[in-house]
């Protein structure tokens, strides 16, 4: 997602080759009909068309990181706090590029800077170990005021139990997240639930099936993962890692739930199943168990009896915290 000297040079070569191909084609057609020599003007346009995204990203990466965004990262994101200075700088740039390219839209609720940054953080954390990979499918993230049903409706009914979803059919390229659940995933740091990370793990799985596995992931780890999942789902009663029941719905939920554990409670996951932790470490190309203990002790947080940050008027323990634990 970030523009590095290597990826920039590769893009320049691709743009040059595309421009030359267009020029040669225009020259051949111009030989057949002099009027078609005008097509040579498409060559520089082709060059800049291929370069446009890289040039925009370079510009975005050079912009100052907003102070308010920095404060949000320090107050809510333990993962960011644990990084060294170089890691923090790269994390900020990934957030900037994501927010420049993906719309965050509130549906009957406000998508303020905190929400926008936490959506970007949810996207960045699972792919932070990959250096030449991005979300190709995603165009927009919709923020709902609460849970919703499988028809994407949120009216406060008893059937609304979904906290996040990668859209299908007419909502292809769209992700939906419950605002209270998104906030709870970062406020309640000691839990194992993070709906943002969960849904972006789903998106990673979809992306890799279409565009291929990130270069940093060894094929042996992929093969081991496929075998592990097949074995676990065939015998769910064993449940070596003692995951939530929802993880055993299918192989896709199994991966997303384990991603939540890996990025929120890696010490617990490694203690339960060291081999599984090692496998996820290879898949995500990150060692969260070694990283997260480096995060400073949280100075900020919400008490169980404090008003919920979602604005519902309920106590935190009866609102977002309760939903995050279901």
Protein backbone atom coordinates (compact mmCIF):
# COMPACT_ATOMS: atom_id res chain seq x y z
CA UNK A 1 0.00 0.00 0.00
CA UNK A 2 2.90 2.37 0.68
CA UNK A 3 5.14 3.69 -2.08
CA UNK A 4 8.71 2.55 -1.52
CA UNK A 5 11.69 3.26 -3.80
CA UNK A 6 11.44 -0.31 -5.13
CA UNK A 7 7.70 -0.23 -5.85
CA UNK A 8 8.02 3.26 -7.32
CA UNK A 9 10.73 2.13 -9.74
CA UNK A 10 8.64 -0.87 -10.73
CA UNK A 11 5.64 1.35 -11.39
CA UNK A 12 7.78 3.73 -13.45
CA UNK A 13 8.93 0.81 -15.61
CA UNK A 14 5.34 -0.39 -16.05
CA UNK A 15 4.22 3.12 -17.02
CA UNK A 16 7.09 3.48 -19.52
CA UNK A 17 6.38 0.10 -21.13
CA UNK A 18 2.66 0.91 -21.40
CA UNK A 19 3.45 4.29 -22.98
CA UNK A 20 5.83 2.68 -25.50
CA UNK A 21 3.25 0.05 -26.46
CA UNK A 22 0.66 2.75 -27.07
CA UNK A 23 3.18 4.77 -29.12
CA UNK A 24 4.09 1.76 -31.27
CA UNK A 25 0.44 0.92 -31.81
CA UNK A 26 -0.30 4.53 -32.77
CA UNK A 27 2.67 4.55 -35.17
CA UNK A 28 1.49 1.37 -36.88
CA UNK A 29 -2.06 2.67 -37.22
CA UNK A 30 -0.71 6.02 -38.44
CA UNK A 31 1.14 4.20 -41.20
CA UNK A 32 -2.20 2.77 -42.32
CA UNK A 33 -3.99 6.10 -42.04
CA UNK A 34 -2.17 9.43 -41.49
CA UNK A 35 -5.12 10.79 -39.51
CA UNK A 36 -4.42 8.19 -36.80
CA UNK A 37 -1.03 9.73 -36.00
CA UNK A 38 -3.01 11.80 -33.51
CA UNK A 39 -3.17 8.68 -31.36
CA UNK A 40 0.48 9.29 -30.42
CA UNK A 41 -0.86 11.86 -27.99
CA UNK A 42 -2.23 8.98 -25.93
CA UNK A 43 1.27 7.79 -25.03
CA UNK A 44 2.06 10.43 -22.36
CA UNK A 45 -1.52 10.15 -21.09
CA UNK A 46 -1.01 6.41 -20.67
CA UNK A 47 2.21 7.02 -18.73
CA UNK A 48 0.54 9.36 -16.24
CA UNK A 49 -2.55 7.12 -15.98
CA UNK A 50 -0.38 4.21 -14.82
CA UNK A 51 1.56 6.49 -12.46
CA UNK A 52 -1.41 8.38 -11.00
CA UNK A 53 -2.01 6.25 -7.88
CA UNK A 54 1.65 6.12 -6.94
CA UNK A 55 2.04 9.86 -7.36
CA UNK A 56 -1.04 10.53 -5.22
CA UNK A 57 0.11 8.14 -2.51
CA UNK A 58 3.55 9.73 -2.44
CA UNK A 59 1.91 13.10 -1.93
CA UNK A 60 -0.33 11.77 0.85
CA UNK A 61 2.60 10.12 2.64
CA UNK A 62 4.48 13.43 2.68
CA UNK A 63 1.67 15.32 4.38
CA UNK A 64 1.94 16.02 8.14
CA UNK A 65 0.06 13.55 10.30
CA UNK A 66 -2.81 15.42 12.05
CA UNK A 67 -2.28 15.99 15.78
CA UNK A 68 -5.81 14.78 16.57
CA UNK A 69 -5.19 11.50 14.76
CA UNK A 70 -1.95 11.08 16.69
CA UNK A 71 -3.81 11.54 19.97
CA UNK A 72 -6.40 8.93 18.96
CA UNK A 73 -3.66 6.42 18.19
CA UNK A 74 -1.97 6.96 21.56
CA UNK A 75 -5.22 6.81 23.53
CA UNK A 76 -6.86 3.82 21.85
CA UNK A 77 -4.37 1.65 19.97
CA UNK A 78 -2.02 -0.51 22.04
CA UNK A 79 -0.54 -2.01 18.87
CA UNK A 80 0.66 1.43 17.72
CA UNK A 81 2.03 2.29 21.17
CA UNK A 82 4.20 -0.85 21.14
CA UNK A 83 5.95 -0.02 17.84
CA UNK A 84 9.37 1.58 17.63
CA UNK A 85 9.76 5.00 15.98
CA UNK A 86 10.24 3.57 12.48
CA UNK A 87 7.21 1.32 12.92
CA UNK A 88 5.09 4.21 14.16
CA UNK A 89 6.09 6.32 11.13
CA UNK A 90 5.11 3.52 8.75
CA UNK A 91 1.85 2.90 10.64
CA UNK A 92 0.90 6.61 10.32
CA UNK A 93 1.52 6.55 6.58
CA UNK A 94 -0.62 3.45 6.14
CA UNK A 95 -3.44 5.17 8.02
CA UNK A 96 -3.09 8.27 5.85
CA UNK A 97 -3.19 6.33 2.59
CA UNK A 98 -6.15 4.23 3.70
CA UNK A 99 -8.22 7.25 4.73
CA UNK A 100 -7.34 9.01 1.48
CA UNK A 101 -8.58 6.11 -0.64
CA UNK A 102 -11.48 4.58 1.32
CA UNK A 103 -14.62 6.53 2.23
CA UNK A 104 -15.90 6.21 5.80
CA UNK A 105 -19.63 7.03 5.86
CA UNK A 106 -21.88 7.25 8.90
CA UNK A 107 -25.42 5.91 8.39
CA UNK A 108 -27.75 7.69 10.84
CA UNK A 109 -24.71 8.31 13.04
CA UNK A 110 -21.60 10.48 12.93
CA UNK A 111 -18.33 9.10 11.64
CA UNK A 112 -15.97 11.47 13.45
CA UNK A 113 -12.17 11.41 13.46
CA UNK A 114 -12.05 8.74 16.17
CA UNK A 115 -14.24 6.39 14.13
CA UNK A 116 -12.40 7.10 10.88
CA UNK A 117 -8.98 6.51 12.43
CA UNK A 118 -10.07 3.33 14.21
CA UNK A 119 -11.46 1.93 10.95
CA UNK A 120 -8.10 2.64 9.31
CA UNK A 121 -6.28 1.08 12.28
CA UNK A 122 -8.44 -2.05 11.94
CA UNK A 123 -7.35 -2.28 8.32
CA UNK A 124 -3.66 -1.63 8.98
CA UNK A 125 -3.02 -3.96 11.93
CA UNK A 126 -3.60 -7.30 10.12
CA UNK A 127 -1.47 -6.30 7.09
CA UNK A 128 1.29 -4.47 8.94
CA UNK A 129 3.67 -7.39 8.36
CA UNK A 130 3.20 -7.22 4.58
CA UNK A 131 5.19 -4.67 2.58
CA UNK A 132 3.76 -5.00 -0.93
CA UNK A 133 0.08 -5.79 -0.48
CA UNK A 134 -3.18 -3.85 -0.34
CA UNK A 135 -6.97 -4.07 -0.24
CA UNK A 136 -8.08 -4.09 -3.87
CA UNK A 137 -11.80 -4.63 -3.26
CA UNK A 138 -12.65 -2.03 -0.66
CA UNK A 139 -14.17 1.32 -1.70
CA UNK A 140 -16.22 2.36 1.34
CA UNK A 141 -16.89 1.48 4.98
CA UNK A 142 -20.39 2.17 6.32
CA UNK A 143 -20.73 2.88 10.03
CA UNK A 144 -24.07 1.81 11.52
CA UNK A 145 -25.39 3.15 14.85
CA UNK A 146 -25.83 -0.37 16.23
CA UNK A 147 -26.01 -4.03 15.26
CA UNK A 148 -27.90 -4.98 12.08
CA UNK A 149 -29.57 -7.99 10.45
CA UNK A 150 -28.65 -10.02 7.38
CA UNK A 151 -30.64 -7.59 5.21
CA UNK A 152 -28.30 -4.78 6.34
CA UNK A 153 -31.13 -3.18 8.34
CA UNK A 154 -30.65 -1.57 11.75
CA UNK A 155 -33.81 -0.50 13.55
CA UNK A 156 -33.19 -1.65 17.11
CA UNK A 157 -35.02 -4.96 16.74
CA UNK A 158 -34.30 -8.24 18.49
CA UNK A 159 -33.12 -9.90 15.27
CA UNK A 160 -30.24 -7.49 14.79
CA UNK A 161 -27.17 -9.40 15.94
CA UNK A 162 -24.54 -8.70 13.27
CA UNK A 163 -21.74 -6.34 14.34
CA UNK A 164 -19.77 -6.32 11.09
CA UNK A 165 -19.93 -7.65 7.56
CA UNK A 166 -18.08 -7.53 4.25
CA UNK A 167 -20.81 -6.62 1.77
CA UNK A 168 -21.98 -8.96 -0.98
CA UNK A 169 -23.83 -8.51 -4.29
CA UNK A 170 -24.92 -4.86 -4.62
CA UNK A 171 -22.72 -3.98 -1.63
CA UNK A 172 -19.60 -5.56 -3.10
CA UNK A 173 -16.60 -3.40 -2.23
CA UNK A 174 -18.34 -2.16 0.92
CA UNK A 175 -17.80 -3.09 4.57
CA UNK A 176 -20.35 -2.44 7.32
CA UNK A 177 -19.34 -1.99 10.96
CA UNK A 178 -21.36 -1.36 14.10
CA UNK A 179 -20.12 1.84 15.71
CA UNK A 180 -20.46 0.63 19.34
CA UNK A 181 -18.71 -2.64 18.51
CA UNK A 182 -15.86 -0.86 16.72
CA UNK A 183 -15.30 1.42 19.72
CA UNK A 184 -15.55 -1.44 22.19
CA UNK A 185 -12.83 -3.38 20.36
CA UNK A 186 -10.31 -0.67 21.17
CA UNK A 187 -11.63 0.58 24.52
CA UNK A 188 -11.76 -2.87 26.11
CA UNK A 189 -8.12 -3.82 25.50
CA UNK A 190 -8.12 -6.91 27.69
CA UNK A 191 -10.75 -8.79 25.70
CA UNK A 192 -10.49 -11.05 22.67
CA UNK A 193 -13.03 -9.24 20.47
CA UNK A 194 -12.28 -6.63 17.84
CA UNK A 195 -14.92 -6.43 15.13
CA UNK A 196 -12.74 -4.20 12.94
CA UNK A 197 -9.86 -6.67 12.86
CA UNK A 198 -12.36 -9.53 12.41
CA UNK A 199 -13.92 -8.03 9.28
CA UNK A 200 -10.63 -6.98 7.73
CA UNK A 201 -9.36 -10.54 8.30
CA UNK A 202 -12.31 -11.68 6.19
CA UNK A 203 -11.30 -9.18 3.53
CA UNK A 204 -7.70 -10.40 3.57
CA UNK A 205 -8.94 -13.93 2.96
CA UNK A 206 -11.07 -12.77 0.02
CA UNK A 207 -8.22 -10.74 -1.42
CA UNK A 208 -5.69 -13.56 -1.23
CA UNK A 209 -8.06 -15.97 -2.96
CA UNK A 210 -8.25 -13.57 -5.92
CA UNK A 211 -4.89 -11.78 -5.99
CA UNK A 212 -2.63 -14.32 -4.32
CA UNK A 213 -0.88 -14.74 -0.99
CA UNK A 214 1.33 -11.85 0.25
CA UNK A 215 5.00 -12.47 -0.64
CA UNK A 216 6.01 -12.66 3.02
CA UNK A 217 3.81 -15.71 3.71
CA UNK A 218 5.59 -19.04 3.11
CA UNK A 219 3.58 -21.59 1.15
CA UNK A 220 4.36 -24.22 3.78
CA UNK A 221 2.46 -22.13 6.34
CA UNK A 222 -0.54 -21.94 4.01
CA UNK A 223 -0.53 -25.71 3.58
CA UNK A 224 -0.24 -26.25 7.33
CA UNK A 225 -3.10 -23.81 7.93
CA UNK A 226 -5.42 -25.60 5.51
CA UNK A 227 -4.69 -28.92 7.20
CA UNK A 228 -5.12 -27.44 10.67
CA UNK A 229 -8.50 -25.89 9.87
CA UNK A 230 -9.79 -29.08 8.25
CA UNK A 231 -8.75 -31.09 11.30
CA UNK A 232 -10.26 -28.62 13.80
CA UNK A 233 -13.60 -28.25 12.01
CA UNK A 234 -13.87 -32.01 11.55
CA UNK A 235 -13.53 -32.51 15.32
CA UNK A 236 -14.85 -29.34 16.97
CA UNK A 237 -15.37 -31.14 20.28
CA UNK A 238 -11.60 -31.22 20.81
CA UNK A 239 -11.10 -27.47 20.44
CA UNK A 240 -7.44 -27.36 21.38
CA UNK A 241 -7.33 -23.57 21.49
CA UNK A 242 -10.70 -23.30 23.33
CA UNK A 243 -12.11 -20.67 20.99
CA UNK A 244 -15.62 -19.24 21.01
CA UNK A 245 -18.34 -21.37 19.45
CA UNK A 246 -18.73 -18.89 16.62
CA UNK A 247 -15.25 -19.73 15.35
CA UNK A 248 -16.49 -23.18 14.37
CA UNK A 249 -19.23 -21.87 12.06
CA UNK A 250 -17.01 -22.39 9.00
CA UNK A 251 -13.40 -22.00 7.89
CA UNK A 252 -13.84 -18.29 7.17
CA UNK A 253 -15.10 -17.44 10.66
CA UNK A 254 -12.42 -19.68 12.13
CA UNK A 255 -9.73 -17.56 10.47
CA UNK A 256 -11.34 -14.24 11.45
CA UNK A 257 -11.87 -15.21 15.09
CA UNK A 258 -8.30 -16.45 15.39
CA UNK A 259 -7.12 -13.15 13.92
CA UNK A 260 -8.92 -11.38 16.77
CA UNK A 261 -7.17 -13.57 19.34
CA UNK A 262 -3.81 -13.11 17.61
CA UNK A 263 -4.03 -9.30 17.64
CA UNK A 264 -5.80 -8.76 20.97
CA UNK A 265 -4.67 -11.58 23.29
CA UNK A 266 -1.58 -13.20 21.75
CA UNK A 267 -0.12 -14.26 25.11
CA UNK A 268 -3.29 -16.17 25.93
CA UNK A 269 -3.39 -17.78 22.48
CA UNK A 270 0.25 -18.83 22.64
CA UNK A 271 -0.26 -20.28 26.11
CA UNK A 272 -3.26 -22.31 24.93
CA UNK A 273 -1.71 -23.56 21.68
CA UNK A 274 1.93 -22.62 20.91
CA UNK A 275 1.89 -24.42 17.54
CA UNK A 276 -1.21 -22.52 16.43
CA UNK A 277 0.32 -19.23 17.52
CA UNK A 278 3.47 -20.00 15.52
CA UNK A 279 1.35 -20.79 12.47
CA UNK A 280 -0.53 -17.48 12.72
CA UNK A 281 2.77 -15.67 13.23
CA UNK A 282 3.92 -17.06 9.87
CA UNK A 283 0.60 -16.25 8.16
CA UNK A 284 0.49 -12.62 9.33
CA UNK A 285 4.27 -12.21 9.34
CA UNK A 286 4.08 -10.60 12.79
CA UNK A 287 5.03 -11.63 16.34
CA UNK A 288 2.32 -9.95 18.39
CA UNK A 289 3.11 -11.89 21.55
CA UNK A 290 6.53 -10.24 21.65
CA UNK A 291 5.23 -6.87 20.51
CA UNK A 292 2.17 -6.10 22.63
CA UNK A 293 3.79 -6.47 26.07
CA UNK A 294 5.95 -3.50 25.03
CA UNK A 295 2.90 -1.24 24.93
CA UNK A 296 2.72 1.13 27.90
CA UNK A 297 0.08 0.44 30.49
CA UNK A 298 -3.15 2.08 29.42
CA UNK A 299 -3.71 5.44 31.06
CA UNK A 300 -7.08 5.90 29.42
CA UNK A 301 -10.14 3.74 29.55
CA UNK A 302 -13.81 3.63 30.37
CA UNK A 303 -15.11 2.30 33.66
CA UNK A 304 -17.81 -0.33 33.60
CA UNK A 305 -20.32 2.08 35.13
CA UNK A 306 -19.35 5.09 33.00
CA UNK A 307 -21.64 6.36 30.22
CA UNK A 308 -21.11 4.39 27.01
CA UNK A 309 -19.08 6.29 24.38
CA UNK A 310 -21.60 5.40 21.65
CA UNK A 311 -24.07 7.93 23.08
CA UNK A 312 -26.81 5.46 23.91
CA UNK A 313 -27.27 6.86 27.41
CA UNK A 314 -26.66 3.43 28.94
CA UNK A 315 -23.81 2.39 31.19
CA UNK A 316 -20.78 1.02 29.35
CA UNK A 317 -21.18 -2.43 30.92
CA UNK A 318 -24.76 -2.70 29.67
CA UNK A 319 -24.01 -1.45 26.15
CA UNK A 320 -20.80 -1.68 24.12
CA UNK A 321 -18.93 -3.82 26.64
CA UNK A 322 -21.76 -6.34 26.79
CA UNK A 323 -22.02 -6.48 22.99
CA UNK A 324 -18.29 -7.00 22.60
CA UNK A 325 -18.47 -10.07 24.84
CA UNK A 326 -21.37 -11.76 23.01
